[in-house]
């Protein structure tokens, strides 16, 4: 398995999105029953730690897809579509033995 450390930021369409994780973010996400979040306004992606490594990797892909959707599709995708696409991309990457880790 190729374990790729989740970077501190990622560029989508020329915009830098800061990728954050912390105890405070874990608590905020847990309170809203989510593993991650994306903020177009702040250009931030939050990822909860403490999940299975596969879940953290899939969550990163999911939140990056939200950023891609926002930048390139003006938010046209529904949550279910983002979830389906992120699960599909995650499955392909796992099959190729590629995983993003905190």
C-alpha atoms as a PDB file:
ATOM      1  CA  UNK A   1       0.000   0.000   0.000  1.00  0.00           C
ATOM      2  CA  UNK A   2       1.292   3.455  -0.922  1.00  0.00           C
ATOM      3  CA  UNK A   3       0.499   5.682   2.033  1.00  0.00           C
ATOM      4  CA  UNK A   4       0.427   9.339   1.042  1.00  0.00           C
ATOM      5  CA  UNK A   5       0.429  11.833   3.881  1.00  0.00           C
ATOM      6  CA  UNK A   6      -2.502  14.216   3.640  1.00  0.00           C
ATOM      7  CA  UNK A   7      -0.952  17.574   2.707  1.00  0.00           C
ATOM      8  CA  UNK A   8      -1.472  20.812   4.624  1.00  0.00           C
ATOM      9  CA  UNK A   9      -3.075  22.340   1.528  1.00  0.00           C
ATOM     10  CA  UNK A  10      -4.276  21.487  -1.960  1.00  0.00           C
ATOM     11  CA  UNK A  11      -4.942  23.704  -4.982  1.00  0.00           C
ATOM     12  CA  UNK A  12      -8.238  23.461  -6.821  1.00  0.00           C
ATOM     13  CA  UNK A  13      -8.671  25.727  -9.830  1.00  0.00           C
ATOM     14  CA  UNK A  14      -5.873  27.974  -8.650  1.00  0.00           C
ATOM     15  CA  UNK A  15      -7.377  28.371  -5.177  1.00  0.00           C
ATOM     16  CA  UNK A  16      -5.425  27.064  -2.186  1.00  0.00           C
ATOM     17  CA  UNK A  17      -7.529  25.066   0.264  1.00  0.00           C
ATOM     18  CA  UNK A  18      -5.999  24.609   3.699  1.00  0.00           C
ATOM     19  CA  UNK A  19      -6.483  21.061   5.041  1.00  0.00           C
ATOM     20  CA  UNK A  20      -7.001  21.075   8.784  1.00  0.00           C
ATOM     21  CA  UNK A  21      -7.290  18.504  11.523  1.00  0.00           C
ATOM     22  CA  UNK A  22      -7.188  18.998  15.282  1.00  0.00           C
ATOM     23  CA  UNK A  23      -8.935  17.973  18.486  1.00  0.00           C
ATOM     24  CA  UNK A  24     -11.243  21.007  18.172  1.00  0.00           C
ATOM     25  CA  UNK A  25     -12.136  20.073  14.584  1.00  0.00           C
ATOM     26  CA  UNK A  26     -12.741  16.471  15.682  1.00  0.00           C
ATOM     27  CA  UNK A  27     -15.164  17.721  18.352  1.00  0.00           C
ATOM     28  CA  UNK A  28     -16.977  20.079  15.953  1.00  0.00           C
ATOM     29  CA  UNK A  29     -17.391  17.390  13.300  1.00  0.00           C
ATOM     30  CA  UNK A  30     -18.479  14.800  15.861  1.00  0.00           C
ATOM     31  CA  UNK A  31     -21.147  17.210  17.149  1.00  0.00           C
ATOM     32  CA  UNK A  32     -22.600  17.439  13.633  1.00  0.00           C
ATOM     33  CA  UNK A  33     -22.138  13.708  12.880  1.00  0.00           C
ATOM     34  CA  UNK A  34     -19.688  14.327  10.032  1.00  0.00           C
ATOM     35  CA  UNK A  35     -16.201  13.098   9.185  1.00  0.00           C
ATOM     36  CA  UNK A  36     -15.259  16.153   7.163  1.00  0.00           C
ATOM     37  CA  UNK A  37     -16.323  19.548   5.890  1.00  0.00           C
ATOM     38  CA  UNK A  38     -15.543  21.983   3.092  1.00  0.00           C
ATOM     39  CA  UNK A  39     -15.787  25.756   3.302  1.00  0.00           C
ATOM     40  CA  UNK A  40     -15.842  27.653   0.018  1.00  0.00           C
ATOM     41  CA  UNK A  41     -15.744  30.987   1.848  1.00  0.00           C
ATOM     42  CA  UNK A  42     -12.715  30.137   4.003  1.00  0.00           C
ATOM     43  CA  UNK A  43     -11.137  27.788   1.431  1.00  0.00           C
ATOM     44  CA  UNK A  44     -10.695  25.127   4.110  1.00  0.00           C
ATOM     45  CA  UNK A  45     -11.178  21.385   4.252  1.00  0.00           C
ATOM     46  CA  UNK A  46     -11.520  19.820   7.698  1.00  0.00           C
ATOM     47  CA  UNK A  47     -10.872  16.110   8.245  1.00  0.00           C
ATOM     48  CA  UNK A  48     -11.708  14.258  11.462  1.00  0.00           C
ATOM     49  CA  UNK A  49      -8.982  12.051  12.849  1.00  0.00           C
ATOM     50  CA  UNK A  50      -9.492   8.829  14.744  1.00  0.00           C
ATOM     51  CA  UNK A  51     -11.457   7.044  12.027  1.00  0.00           C
ATOM     52  CA  UNK A  52     -10.212   4.028  10.131  1.00  0.00           C
ATOM     53  CA  UNK A  53      -7.447   5.020   7.694  1.00  0.00           C
ATOM     54  CA  UNK A  54      -9.693   4.073   4.758  1.00  0.00           C
ATOM     55  CA  UNK A  55     -12.403   6.431   6.048  1.00  0.00           C
ATOM     56  CA  UNK A  56      -9.958   9.329   6.445  1.00  0.00           C
ATOM     57  CA  UNK A  57      -8.750   8.776   2.872  1.00  0.00           C
ATOM     58  CA  UNK A  58     -12.293   8.600   1.492  1.00  0.00           C
ATOM     59  CA  UNK A  59     -13.270  11.700   3.482  1.00  0.00           C
ATOM     60  CA  UNK A  60     -10.390  13.679   1.986  1.00  0.00           C
ATOM     61  CA  UNK A  61     -11.442  12.654  -1.524  1.00  0.00           C
ATOM     62  CA  UNK A  62     -15.062  13.559  -0.717  1.00  0.00           C
ATOM     63  CA  UNK A  63     -14.196  17.027   0.553  1.00  0.00           C
ATOM     64  CA  UNK A  64     -11.825  17.713  -2.352  1.00  0.00           C
ATOM     65  CA  UNK A  65     -14.675  16.789  -4.704  1.00  0.00           C
ATOM     66  CA  UNK A  66     -16.838  19.395  -2.965  1.00  0.00           C
ATOM     67  CA  UNK A  67     -14.107  21.950  -3.699  1.00  0.00           C
ATOM     68  CA  UNK A  68     -13.894  20.817  -7.339  1.00  0.00           C
ATOM     69  CA  UNK A  69     -17.692  21.012  -7.610  1.00  0.00           C
ATOM     70  CA  UNK A  70     -17.702  24.525  -6.156  1.00  0.00           C
ATOM     71  CA  UNK A  71     -14.910  25.841  -8.375  1.00  0.00           C
ATOM     72  CA  UNK A  72     -15.777  24.124 -11.655  1.00  0.00           C
ATOM     73  CA  UNK A  73     -19.499  23.327 -11.470  1.00  0.00           C
ATOM     74  CA  UNK A  74     -20.782  26.184  -9.307  1.00  0.00           C
ATOM     75  CA  UNK A  75     -22.047  23.686  -6.711  1.00  0.00           C
ATOM     76  CA  UNK A  76     -24.214  21.760  -9.195  1.00  0.00           C
ATOM     77  CA  UNK A  77     -23.645  18.324  -7.650  1.00  0.00           C
ATOM     78  CA  UNK A  78     -25.948  17.003  -4.954  1.00  0.00           C
ATOM     79  CA  UNK A  79     -24.485  15.442  -1.805  1.00  0.00           C
ATOM     80  CA  UNK A  80     -25.408  11.949  -2.985  1.00  0.00           C
ATOM     81  CA  UNK A  81     -23.544  12.489  -6.230  1.00  0.00           C
ATOM     82  CA  UNK A  82     -20.425  13.711  -4.408  1.00  0.00           C
ATOM     83  CA  UNK A  83     -20.655  10.682  -2.107  1.00  0.00           C
ATOM     84  CA  UNK A  84     -21.006   8.254  -5.015  1.00  0.00           C
ATOM     85  CA  UNK A  85     -18.101   9.800  -6.920  1.00  0.00           C
ATOM     86  CA  UNK A  86     -15.840   9.923  -3.875  1.00  0.00           C
ATOM     87  CA  UNK A  87     -16.610   6.300  -2.995  1.00  0.00           C
ATOM     88  CA  UNK A  88     -15.859   5.263  -6.584  1.00  0.00           C
ATOM     89  CA  UNK A  89     -12.571   7.170  -6.745  1.00  0.00           C
ATOM     90  CA  UNK A  90     -11.617   5.854  -3.300  1.00  0.00           C
ATOM     91  CA  UNK A  91     -12.302   2.265  -4.418  1.00  0.00           C
ATOM     92  CA  UNK A  92     -10.126   2.681  -7.513  1.00  0.00           C
ATOM     93  CA  UNK A  93      -7.277   4.210  -5.488  1.00  0.00           C
ATOM     94  CA  UNK A  94      -7.496   1.449  -2.862  1.00  0.00           C
ATOM     95  CA  UNK A  95      -7.371  -1.156  -5.659  1.00  0.00           C
ATOM     96  CA  UNK A  96      -4.236   0.592  -6.926  1.00  0.00           C
ATOM     97  CA  UNK A  97      -2.941   0.433  -3.343  1.00  0.00           C
ATOM     98  CA  UNK A  98      -3.007   4.230  -2.837  1.00  0.00           C
ATOM     99  CA  UNK A  99      -4.296   5.678   0.427  1.00  0.00           C
ATOM    100  CA  UNK A 100      -4.177   9.147   1.978  1.00  0.00           C
ATOM    101  CA  UNK A 101      -3.290   9.132   5.678  1.00  0.00           C
ATOM    102  CA  UNK A 102      -3.117  11.735   8.449  1.00  0.00           C
END
